[in-house]
């Protein structure tokens, strides 16, 4: 089963009321806001293939600063933006990427995931999804904004999440109410984007197989290995 097939199955379960505490009334607001974000052209504004890859120095779950320049000196780099461990769709995606991470490394590339959540929630995502790749903290979605991925959650959406006891000033450690669209980007060793996808509707995600294919195009000698 592909990642998006799994996500569609989960979405159907939510809509059938099989994933409490989410109800049809909650989903009506969540879907409305996601469709509005898509209609605004948000996806069209995201960085495209051929653009320079924005460099970063971001802390991992232990507070160690990780540099994109250092990672790119070793090979191509894939960056995955996700909302947080509170998002089930994100967890499905992180888990699916873990399945292909050995192949990513075999191709001479690396992968990091980036989220605005606090350090304890980064560690929770690693434990929950049994991840071996790094997760980095992007407080306030400052780095995500350089890809034009960010938007501000409105009060209707905040009220839905608040009804579940979710306080984003605590989840993300700031009061901006900023959120990132999920997206996957791949930079070559020259610091140029060679793959770029983002989704305003958070229940849609990049297939890991598509990312792998893009990495293989950058590593033709390795792509023939089984």
Protein backbone atom coordinates (compact mmCIF):
# COMPACT_ATOMS: atom_id res chain seq x y z
CA UNK A 1 0.00 0.00 0.00
CA UNK A 2 1.38 3.40 -0.96
CA UNK A 3 1.59 6.24 1.55
CA UNK A 4 -1.29 8.16 0.00
CA UNK A 5 -3.46 5.04 -0.16
CA UNK A 6 -2.87 4.63 3.56
CA UNK A 7 -3.70 8.28 4.16
CA UNK A 8 -6.92 8.05 2.16
CA UNK A 9 -7.92 4.99 4.18
CA UNK A 10 -7.26 6.87 7.42
CA UNK A 11 -9.18 9.92 6.17
CA UNK A 12 -12.17 7.69 5.40
CA UNK A 13 -12.01 6.30 8.93
CA UNK A 14 -12.01 9.81 10.35
CA UNK A 15 -15.01 10.75 8.25
CA UNK A 16 -16.82 7.62 9.44
CA UNK A 17 -16.31 8.70 13.05
CA UNK A 18 -13.86 5.90 13.81
CA UNK A 19 -11.04 8.17 15.03
CA UNK A 20 -12.28 10.00 18.14
CA UNK A 21 -12.29 12.73 19.28
CA UNK A 22 -12.53 14.13 15.71
CA UNK A 23 -16.14 14.55 14.61
CA UNK A 24 -17.75 15.54 11.29
CA UNK A 25 -18.21 19.07 12.70
CA UNK A 26 -14.48 19.32 13.39
CA UNK A 27 -13.65 17.98 9.96
CA UNK A 28 -15.93 20.52 8.31
CA UNK A 29 -13.78 23.34 9.71
CA UNK A 30 -10.48 21.56 9.07
CA UNK A 31 -11.39 20.79 5.45
CA UNK A 32 -12.79 24.26 4.81
CA UNK A 33 -9.60 25.94 5.95
CA UNK A 34 -7.36 23.54 4.02
CA UNK A 35 -9.36 24.03 0.82
CA UNK A 36 -9.23 27.81 1.32
CA UNK A 37 -5.46 27.66 1.72
CA UNK A 38 -5.21 25.66 -1.51
CA UNK A 39 -7.53 28.09 -3.32
CA UNK A 40 -5.33 31.00 -2.24
CA UNK A 41 -2.53 29.66 -4.45
CA UNK A 42 -0.31 28.76 -1.50
CA UNK A 43 1.20 25.77 -3.27
CA UNK A 44 2.14 27.88 -6.28
CA UNK A 45 4.18 30.23 -4.10
CA UNK A 46 6.43 27.48 -2.71
CA UNK A 47 10.04 27.31 -3.92
CA UNK A 48 10.36 25.43 -7.19
CA UNK A 49 12.91 23.11 -8.78
CA UNK A 50 15.93 25.13 -9.90
CA UNK A 51 15.77 27.60 -7.01
CA UNK A 52 18.70 27.93 -4.60
CA UNK A 53 18.30 25.74 -1.54
CA UNK A 54 18.02 27.90 1.61
CA UNK A 55 20.84 26.96 3.97
CA UNK A 56 20.19 26.22 7.63
CA UNK A 57 21.72 25.69 11.02
CA UNK A 58 18.99 24.16 13.17
CA UNK A 59 19.04 22.23 16.45
CA UNK A 60 18.16 18.55 16.56
CA UNK A 61 16.13 16.93 19.34
CA UNK A 62 19.18 17.11 21.64
CA UNK A 63 19.95 20.75 20.90
CA UNK A 64 22.94 20.01 18.66
CA UNK A 65 23.18 22.43 15.74
CA UNK A 66 22.99 20.68 12.38
CA UNK A 67 24.30 22.51 9.30
CA UNK A 68 22.97 22.01 5.78
CA UNK A 69 26.40 22.97 4.43
CA UNK A 70 27.95 20.08 6.33
CA UNK A 71 25.30 17.61 5.13
CA UNK A 72 25.54 18.77 1.50
CA UNK A 73 29.30 18.34 1.56
CA UNK A 74 28.62 14.60 1.78
CA UNK A 75 25.86 14.23 -0.81
CA UNK A 76 22.33 15.31 -1.83
CA UNK A 77 20.01 16.31 0.99
CA UNK A 78 16.25 15.75 1.31
CA UNK A 79 14.31 17.98 3.70
CA UNK A 80 10.82 17.05 4.88
CA UNK A 81 8.62 19.65 6.59
CA UNK A 82 5.90 18.27 8.84
CA UNK A 83 3.45 19.81 11.31
CA UNK A 84 4.14 17.80 14.45
CA UNK A 85 3.72 14.51 16.28
CA UNK A 86 0.13 15.58 17.07
CA UNK A 87 -0.69 15.15 13.35
CA UNK A 88 -1.47 11.53 12.49
CA UNK A 89 -0.92 12.17 8.77
CA UNK A 90 2.58 13.41 9.60
CA UNK A 91 3.33 10.28 11.61
CA UNK A 92 2.28 8.07 8.71
CA UNK A 93 4.62 10.07 6.46
CA UNK A 94 7.58 9.93 8.85
CA UNK A 95 7.12 6.19 9.24
CA UNK A 96 6.99 5.67 5.47
CA UNK A 97 10.17 7.70 5.04
CA UNK A 98 11.90 5.58 7.67
CA UNK A 99 11.16 2.54 5.51
CA UNK A 100 13.09 4.03 2.57
CA UNK A 101 15.82 5.76 4.59
CA UNK A 102 18.31 2.88 4.17
CA UNK A 103 17.94 3.21 0.40
CA UNK A 104 18.40 6.99 0.63
CA UNK A 105 21.68 6.44 2.47
CA UNK A 106 22.72 3.74 0.00
CA UNK A 107 22.31 6.31 -2.78
CA UNK A 108 24.74 8.63 -0.99
CA UNK A 109 22.08 11.11 0.14
CA UNK A 110 20.65 12.07 3.52
CA UNK A 111 17.29 13.06 4.95
CA UNK A 112 16.19 15.37 7.74
CA UNK A 113 12.69 16.21 8.92
CA UNK A 114 11.85 19.68 10.22
CA UNK A 115 9.00 20.73 12.50
CA UNK A 116 8.08 23.81 14.57
CA UNK A 117 7.32 21.79 17.71
CA UNK A 118 9.34 21.88 20.92
CA UNK A 119 12.26 19.55 21.62
CA UNK A 120 10.28 17.09 23.80
CA UNK A 121 7.78 16.67 20.95
CA UNK A 122 10.61 16.09 18.47
CA UNK A 123 11.80 13.28 20.70
CA UNK A 124 8.24 11.95 20.95
CA UNK A 125 8.05 11.75 17.14
CA UNK A 126 11.33 9.83 17.01
CA UNK A 127 10.12 7.33 19.62
CA UNK A 128 6.64 6.93 18.17
CA UNK A 129 7.83 6.37 14.61
CA UNK A 130 11.11 4.59 15.47
CA UNK A 131 13.11 7.02 13.35
CA UNK A 132 16.80 6.76 12.55
CA UNK A 133 17.07 10.01 10.59
CA UNK A 134 17.38 13.42 12.23
CA UNK A 135 14.49 15.68 13.19
CA UNK A 136 15.27 19.39 13.52
CA UNK A 137 13.49 22.19 15.35
CA UNK A 138 12.27 25.21 13.40
CA UNK A 139 10.82 27.41 16.12
CA UNK A 140 8.26 29.84 14.75
CA UNK A 141 8.54 28.21 11.30
CA UNK A 142 11.25 30.73 10.46
CA UNK A 143 13.08 28.33 8.16
CA UNK A 144 9.89 26.96 6.60
CA UNK A 145 8.94 30.55 5.71
CA UNK A 146 11.99 30.71 3.42
CA UNK A 147 10.29 28.03 1.31
CA UNK A 148 6.99 29.98 1.43
CA UNK A 149 5.37 27.09 3.26
CA UNK A 150 3.90 28.94 6.20
CA UNK A 151 0.46 30.31 7.01
CA UNK A 152 -1.31 31.59 10.12
CA UNK A 153 -4.05 29.43 11.60
CA UNK A 154 -7.29 31.37 12.03
CA UNK A 155 -9.44 31.35 15.14
CA UNK A 156 -11.93 28.77 13.82
CA UNK A 157 -9.11 26.29 13.30
CA UNK A 158 -7.51 27.12 16.63
CA UNK A 159 -10.87 26.55 18.33
CA UNK A 160 -11.11 23.07 16.82
CA UNK A 161 -7.65 22.12 18.05
CA UNK A 162 -8.32 23.83 21.36
CA UNK A 163 -11.38 21.62 21.85
CA UNK A 164 -8.92 18.70 21.98
CA UNK A 165 -6.84 20.50 24.61
CA UNK A 166 -4.18 21.53 22.11
CA UNK A 167 -2.41 24.83 22.88
CA UNK A 168 0.01 25.76 20.10
CA UNK A 169 1.83 28.26 22.28
CA UNK A 170 2.95 25.18 24.22
CA UNK A 171 3.18 22.74 21.31
CA UNK A 172 5.36 25.06 19.23
CA UNK A 173 6.80 27.17 22.03
CA UNK A 174 5.71 30.51 20.56
CA UNK A 175 2.56 32.61 20.12
CA UNK A 176 2.65 33.09 16.34
CA UNK A 177 -0.04 30.47 15.51
CA UNK A 178 2.14 29.78 12.49
CA UNK A 179 1.83 26.45 10.70
CA UNK A 180 3.75 24.84 7.87
CA UNK A 181 2.32 23.06 4.87
CA UNK A 182 3.84 19.60 4.53
CA UNK A 183 6.51 19.54 1.87
CA UNK A 184 9.51 17.59 0.59
CA UNK A 185 12.54 19.17 -1.05
CA UNK A 186 15.76 17.73 -2.44
CA UNK A 187 18.96 19.70 -2.95
CA UNK A 188 21.96 18.56 -4.96
CA UNK A 189 25.51 19.14 -3.74
CA UNK A 190 25.60 22.48 -5.60
CA UNK A 191 22.78 23.71 -3.39
CA UNK A 192 20.09 23.70 -6.10
CA UNK A 193 16.60 22.30 -5.60
CA UNK A 194 16.05 19.23 -7.79
CA UNK A 195 12.73 18.09 -6.31
CA UNK A 196 10.04 20.18 -4.63
CA UNK A 197 6.52 19.30 -3.50
CA UNK A 198 4.12 20.86 -1.00
CA UNK A 199 0.47 20.35 -0.11
CA UNK A 200 -2.06 22.82 1.25
CA UNK A 201 -4.38 19.90 1.99
CA UNK A 202 -2.43 18.21 4.75
CA UNK A 203 -3.94 14.78 4.07
CA UNK A 204 -1.98 14.65 0.81
CA UNK A 205 1.74 13.85 0.95
CA UNK A 206 4.73 13.15 -1.26
CA UNK A 207 5.22 9.49 -2.07
CA UNK A 208 8.60 8.26 -0.78
CA UNK A 209 9.04 6.41 -4.09
CA UNK A 210 8.94 9.76 -5.93
CA UNK A 211 11.64 11.17 -3.66
CA UNK A 212 13.75 8.06 -4.18
CA UNK A 213 13.41 8.40 -7.94
CA UNK A 214 14.62 12.01 -7.74
CA UNK A 215 17.62 10.97 -5.65
CA UNK A 216 18.43 8.20 -8.10
CA UNK A 217 18.48 10.75 -10.93
CA UNK A 218 21.23 12.56 -9.00
CA UNK A 219 23.11 9.31 -8.35
CA UNK A 220 23.03 7.42 -11.67
CA UNK A 221 25.88 5.07 -10.78
CA UNK A 222 24.22 3.99 -7.55
CA UNK A 223 20.68 3.71 -8.94
CA UNK A 224 21.50 0.46 -10.73
CA UNK A 225 22.35 -1.34 -7.52
CA UNK A 226 19.73 -3.65 -6.05
